Structure formats: C-alpha cells, structure tokens
Amino acid sequence: MLTEQRYEEILKLIEEKKSVTVTEICELLHISESTARRDINALDQAGRLVRVFGGAVASDMTFESREPTVEQKQDKNVSEKNQIARYAASLIEPSDFIYLDAGTTTGCMIEYMTELSATVVTNAVVHAQRLAARGIHVYLIGGELKSSTEAVVGSQAIHTLLGYHFTKGFFGTNGVSRGEGLTTPDAGEALIKQTALGQCRKSYILCDSTKFDNVSSVTFGSMEDSVILTEKCPERYKDCGNMIECE
C-alpha cells in the first residue's frame, strides 16, 4: 500500500472512531509497528491528527497531559457533578464495602450518601475526613500524598488495595474515549485506579459530558469494564450498553 493510501486509511479510522491505537492500525492495514508510528508522526506534523501515547486522536479532541489541581476543578460543571453524584450515592446499599476514588465528582457523593451502614475505603484525605464527620465507617489507605489532587498514591497504597474486595467502586476520570478508554494524566494515580478497579465486583465511572472525547496521558481502564454515569450521553456514545444518564 502506498504511503498516501495509508494516510487516507488512518484518517478515515480517526474520523470514524475519533481515536485509534498503533496496534489497530497495524492489524487493519497489515503494516509494521514502525511504519504505523512513522505515519502517525507525519500526520501529526501535518496537523491532520494528534499523536498520543500508543496511538492518535482526532485533532478536534482534547488532550490533557497535566492534572488540574483540586482548586482548578472545584468550580467546574458543578450542577452536572452534583447530578451524577446524587445518582451514584443512591446506588449504595446496606453493608456495601465501597471504594471511593479521589476527585471532585466522587467527593460530591458524600453529602448525598444516606446509607450510613456502608463501609468506605478511599485514597483521598479530604473524603476520609468528610465521611468520618458524617459518621460513616471509613478507611484511608496509606502511601504518598500527592498535593495537587490530595490523593494517596504509591506502592504502599497498591499493596493495601490488593488485600480488599469491594462490592462497588466509584471512580473519577479525566477522559473517556472509544480508542483510549478511561484516562488520567498521572501515572501514579492511574495505577491506583487500575488496581482498585480490579478489586471491585461492580465499578462506576462518574463522568460529566465534557469528559467524552478527552484523552489524557495514561489509560487506567476500558469503557466496557465499568458502568459510566453521566448527566448527558453524547449521541455518538449511545450505542454503548453501559452508559447511564443520571436523572
């Protein structure tokens, strides 16, 4: 296949899916990984797509390589976050053993929690304080505290999480896309999310509609493995069977 033909096929994939991995390009075009990466680089330099770790996304998609601070996120999409958080909190049942991820949307759940017999494990110091103040039994995992997001990360936190088995987990995300899945900018936080997801019987991703078609540096899970809670599902994602629009 000629170079220009490969470019056309790659751009067609991007147009259809909004994002594509190197592996997908290799399989669909029957080319080597080095050729696929070279083509992606050329199209990125030409402004036809945006190269990301492991693949490429459409040039009109948002790519986020740095994690905003809690203060930067606190006042964004407040009504949407509360709508999602209220619904998520209603899913908690008596005696549930819950993992509550760090983040502003997951944090909003705390004031809506009415099932106070549940036990919660979290990697967010502020979440733990607020849960305890409400009389909810809470465990704060130990490890390294990341100041910008107030989340606990690191090997000690991972070791602790591997000893737990959660009935439900509630997670935040910086981006959701078909090609790259669930993404976040920080590798340390991604590893915590990934580990906790693996310990959950059922997991929920709290995602306001501005997060769709956003891609951050590190994938921590796939769209198919969790239920995604959002206030408004974009039309192009409505064929996904695991989307719930929160009322």
Protein backbone atom coordinates (compact mmCIF):
# COMPACT_ATOMS: atom_id res chain seq x y z
CA MET A 1 0.00 0.00 0.00
CA LEU A 2 1.34 3.41 -0.96
CA THR A 3 2.09 6.00 1.72
CA GLU A 4 -0.74 8.34 0.71
CA GLN A 5 -3.19 5.45 0.73
CA ARG A 6 -2.12 4.54 4.26
CA TYR A 7 -2.59 8.16 5.33
CA GLU A 8 -6.11 8.13 3.88
CA GLU A 9 -7.00 4.91 5.69
CA ILE A 10 -5.62 6.16 9.02
CA LEU A 11 -7.52 9.44 8.74
CA LYS A 12 -10.68 7.54 7.83
CA LEU A 13 -10.29 5.49 11.01
CA ILE A 14 -9.78 8.65 13.05
CA GLU A 15 -12.86 10.24 11.50
CA GLU A 16 -14.98 7.20 12.34
CA LYS A 17 -13.64 6.39 15.82
CA LYS A 18 -12.12 9.70 16.98
CA SER A 19 -9.08 7.76 18.24
CA VAL A 20 -7.01 4.78 17.13
CA THR A 21 -4.15 2.73 18.58
CA VAL A 22 -0.94 1.72 16.84
CA THR A 23 -1.99 -1.93 17.21
CA GLU A 24 -5.29 -1.28 15.45
CA ILE A 25 -3.55 0.45 12.56
CA CYS A 26 -1.07 -2.43 12.20
CA GLU A 27 -3.85 -5.04 12.16
CA LEU A 28 -6.19 -3.20 9.81
CA LEU A 29 -3.58 -2.02 7.30
CA HIS A 30 -1.26 -5.05 7.64
CA ILE A 31 1.79 -2.89 8.29
CA SER A 32 4.60 -2.96 10.85
CA GLU A 33 4.53 -1.02 14.11
CA SER A 34 7.43 1.18 12.97
CA THR A 35 5.54 2.10 9.77
CA ALA A 36 2.37 2.88 11.72
CA ARG A 37 4.27 5.12 14.13
CA ARG A 38 6.05 6.86 11.26
CA ASP A 39 2.72 7.54 9.54
CA ILE A 40 1.19 8.89 12.76
CA ASN A 41 4.18 11.21 13.25
CA ALA A 42 3.88 12.52 9.70
CA LEU A 43 0.14 13.16 10.04
CA ASP A 44 0.67 14.79 13.43
CA GLN A 45 3.27 17.17 11.96
CA ALA A 46 0.84 17.99 9.16
CA GLY A 47 -1.85 18.84 11.72
CA ARG A 48 -4.20 16.11 10.48
CA LEU A 49 -4.37 14.31 13.85
CA VAL A 50 -2.80 14.44 17.31
CA ARG A 51 -0.22 11.82 18.28
CA VAL A 52 -0.70 10.41 21.80
CA PHE A 53 0.92 7.60 23.76
CA GLY A 54 0.15 4.36 21.91
CA GLY A 55 -1.76 5.89 19.02
CA ALA A 56 -3.51 9.02 17.79
CA VAL A 57 -6.68 11.04 18.32
CA ALA A 58 -8.67 13.41 16.13
CA SER A 59 -7.29 16.93 16.00
CA ASP A 60 -10.56 18.30 17.40
CA MET A 61 -10.31 16.12 20.52
CA THR A 62 -8.88 17.44 23.78
CA PHE A 63 -5.58 16.02 25.01
CA GLU A 64 -4.64 16.69 28.63
CA SER A 65 -1.15 15.87 29.85
CA ARG A 66 -1.27 17.66 33.22
CA GLU A 67 -3.60 17.02 36.12
CA PRO A 68 -5.53 20.15 37.20
CA THR A 69 -5.45 20.89 40.94
CA VAL A 70 -8.49 20.36 43.15
CA GLU A 71 -8.96 24.14 43.28
CA GLN A 72 -8.97 24.36 39.48
CA LYS A 73 -11.60 21.62 39.18
CA GLN A 74 -13.78 22.52 42.16
CA ASP A 75 -15.94 25.13 40.44
CA LYS A 76 -16.25 23.45 37.02
CA ASN A 77 -19.55 21.85 35.92
CA VAL A 78 -20.88 21.96 39.48
CA SER A 79 -24.53 21.20 38.70
CA GLU A 80 -23.56 18.28 36.41
CA LYS A 81 -21.23 16.83 39.03
CA ASN A 82 -23.93 17.03 41.69
CA GLN A 83 -26.49 15.40 39.42
CA ILE A 84 -24.16 12.47 38.77
CA ALA A 85 -23.03 12.25 42.40
CA ARG A 86 -26.62 12.17 43.70
CA TYR A 87 -27.46 9.26 41.43
CA ALA A 88 -24.23 7.43 42.27
CA ALA A 89 -24.87 7.76 46.01
CA SER A 90 -28.35 6.24 45.54
CA LEU A 91 -26.68 3.01 44.31
CA ILE A 92 -25.08 2.33 47.70
CA GLU A 93 -26.85 -0.44 49.61
CA PRO A 94 -26.76 -1.55 53.26
CA SER A 95 -23.48 -3.18 54.29
CA ASP A 96 -21.76 -2.36 50.96
CA PHE A 97 -17.96 -2.29 51.09
CA ILE A 98 -17.17 0.72 48.89
CA TYR A 99 -14.07 2.13 47.22
CA LEU A 100 -14.34 5.90 46.74
CA ASP A 101 -11.73 7.34 44.40
CA ALA A 102 -10.17 10.77 44.92
CA GLY A 103 -11.74 13.54 42.84
CA THR A 104 -14.25 16.36 42.94
CA THR A 105 -17.20 14.44 41.47
CA THR A 106 -16.71 11.45 43.76
CA GLY A 107 -16.35 13.93 46.63
CA CYS A 108 -19.80 15.32 45.82
CA MET A 109 -21.27 11.89 46.58
CA ILE A 110 -20.55 12.19 50.30
CA GLU A 111 -23.27 14.72 51.09
CA TYR A 112 -25.85 12.59 49.23
CA MET A 113 -25.00 9.31 50.96
CA THR A 114 -27.97 8.15 53.03
CA GLU A 115 -26.88 4.53 53.57
CA LEU A 116 -24.64 5.12 56.58
CA SER A 117 -24.10 1.41 57.30
CA ALA A 118 -21.76 1.09 54.31
CA THR A 119 -18.00 0.95 54.87
CA VAL A 120 -15.86 3.14 52.62
CA VAL A 121 -12.19 2.86 51.66
CA THR A 122 -10.68 5.91 49.98
CA ASN A 123 -7.35 7.31 48.83
CA ALA A 124 -8.48 10.92 49.39
CA VAL A 125 -7.67 12.57 52.72
CA VAL A 126 -10.48 15.13 52.42
CA HIS A 127 -13.01 12.42 51.51
CA ALA A 128 -12.00 10.45 54.61
CA GLN A 129 -12.44 13.47 56.86
CA ARG A 130 -15.88 14.28 55.46
CA LEU A 131 -17.04 10.66 55.63
CA ALA A 132 -15.93 10.35 59.25
CA ALA A 133 -17.71 13.60 60.11
CA ARG A 134 -20.94 12.06 58.79
CA GLY A 135 -20.49 9.01 60.99
CA ILE A 136 -19.62 6.68 58.09
CA HIS A 137 -17.10 3.92 58.80
CA VAL A 138 -14.07 4.83 56.66
CA TYR A 139 -10.55 3.55 55.97
CA LEU A 140 -7.90 5.82 54.47
CA ILE A 141 -5.22 3.89 52.59
CA GLY A 142 -1.63 4.83 53.35
CA GLY A 143 1.12 5.91 50.98
CA GLU A 144 2.49 9.02 49.32
CA LEU A 145 0.20 12.08 49.38
CA LYS A 146 0.03 13.92 46.06
CA SER A 147 -0.59 17.56 46.99
CA SER A 148 -2.22 18.80 43.77
CA THR A 149 -5.07 16.27 43.83
CA GLU A 150 -4.96 15.39 47.55
CA ALA A 151 -4.79 11.71 46.57
CA VAL A 152 -2.70 8.96 48.16
CA VAL A 153 -0.58 7.03 45.64
CA GLY A 154 2.45 4.73 45.59
CA SER A 155 3.40 1.11 46.23
CA GLN A 156 2.15 1.04 49.82
CA ALA A 157 -1.32 2.13 48.66
CA ILE A 158 -1.35 -0.52 45.92
CA HIS A 159 -0.31 -3.24 48.38
CA THR A 160 -3.16 -2.24 50.71
CA LEU A 161 -5.75 -2.20 47.91
CA LEU A 162 -4.80 -5.71 46.78
CA GLY A 163 -5.99 -7.01 50.15
CA TYR A 164 -9.52 -5.60 49.73
CA HIS A 165 -12.54 -6.92 47.84
CA PHE A 166 -15.09 -4.20 47.17
CA THR A 167 -18.78 -4.70 46.38
CA LYS A 168 -18.80 -1.39 44.49
CA GLY A 169 -16.27 1.24 43.43
CA PHE A 170 -16.85 4.83 42.33
CA PHE A 171 -14.15 6.47 40.21
CA GLY A 172 -13.39 9.80 38.61
CA THR A 173 -11.77 10.18 35.21
CA ASN A 174 -10.19 12.96 33.16
CA GLY A 175 -11.18 11.48 29.82
CA VAL A 176 -13.36 8.87 28.14
CA SER A 177 -12.86 7.84 24.51
CA ARG A 178 -13.56 4.77 22.43
CA GLY A 179 -9.95 4.22 21.44
CA GLU A 180 -8.07 5.11 24.61
CA GLY A 181 -10.68 4.15 27.21
CA LEU A 182 -10.57 5.77 30.66
CA THR A 183 -7.58 8.08 31.04
CA THR A 184 -5.87 10.32 33.56
CA PRO A 185 -2.69 12.46 33.29
CA ASP A 186 -0.71 11.00 36.20
CA ALA A 187 0.84 7.51 36.04
CA GLY A 188 0.78 7.09 39.83
CA GLU A 189 -2.92 7.86 40.09
CA ALA A 190 -3.65 5.69 37.06
CA LEU A 191 -2.03 2.70 38.78
CA ILE A 192 -4.11 3.25 41.93
CA LYS A 193 -7.32 3.49 39.89
CA GLN A 194 -6.42 0.41 37.85
CA THR A 195 -5.64 -1.63 40.96
CA ALA A 196 -8.82 -0.57 42.78
CA LEU A 197 -10.93 -1.28 39.68
CA GLY A 198 -9.58 -4.81 39.65
CA GLN A 199 -10.75 -5.33 43.24
CA CYS A 200 -14.36 -4.22 42.62
CA ARG A 201 -17.29 -6.54 41.98
CA LYS A 202 -19.00 -3.62 40.22
CA SER A 203 -17.43 -0.31 39.23
CA TYR A 204 -18.91 3.03 38.24
CA ILE A 205 -17.17 5.88 36.42
CA LEU A 206 -18.52 9.33 37.28
CA CYS A 207 -18.09 11.36 34.11
CA ASP A 208 -19.73 14.64 33.14
CA SER A 209 -20.33 15.08 29.42
CA THR A 210 -17.33 17.40 28.92
CA LYS A 211 -15.02 14.41 29.57
CA PHE A 212 -16.09 12.49 26.44
CA ASP A 213 -13.53 12.50 23.61
CA ASN A 214 -10.89 13.79 26.04
CA VAL A 215 -7.65 11.81 26.20
CA SER A 216 -5.04 12.04 28.96
CA SER A 217 -1.59 10.50 29.13
CA VAL A 218 -2.35 7.19 30.84
CA THR A 219 -5.15 4.64 30.40
CA PHE A 220 -6.36 3.05 33.65
CA GLY A 221 -9.33 1.06 32.37
CA SER A 222 -11.60 0.27 29.44
CA MET A 223 -15.06 1.65 28.83
CA GLU A 224 -16.53 -1.85 28.70
CA ASP A 225 -15.42 -2.92 32.19
CA SER A 226 -17.39 -0.30 34.15
CA VAL A 227 -20.76 1.43 34.14
CA ILE A 228 -20.36 5.05 33.09
CA LEU A 229 -22.60 7.56 34.88
CA THR A 230 -23.11 10.89 33.10
CA GLU A 231 -25.69 13.67 33.05
CA LYS A 232 -25.84 13.58 29.25
CA CYS A 233 -24.50 10.88 26.96
CA PRO A 234 -23.25 12.24 23.60
CA GLU A 235 -25.13 10.82 20.62
CA ARG A 236 -22.03 9.04 19.29
CA TYR A 237 -21.74 7.02 22.52
CA LYS A 238 -25.38 5.99 22.86
CA ASP A 239 -24.73 2.61 21.28
CA CYS A 240 -22.60 1.70 24.30
CA GLY A 241 -24.65 -0.55 26.54
CA ASN A 242 -23.01 0.53 29.79
CA MET A 243 -23.97 4.24 29.79
CA ILE A 244 -26.48 5.59 32.33
CA GLU A 245 -27.85 9.13 32.09
CA CYS A 246 -28.40 10.25 35.67
CA GLU A 247 -31.70 11.93 36.48
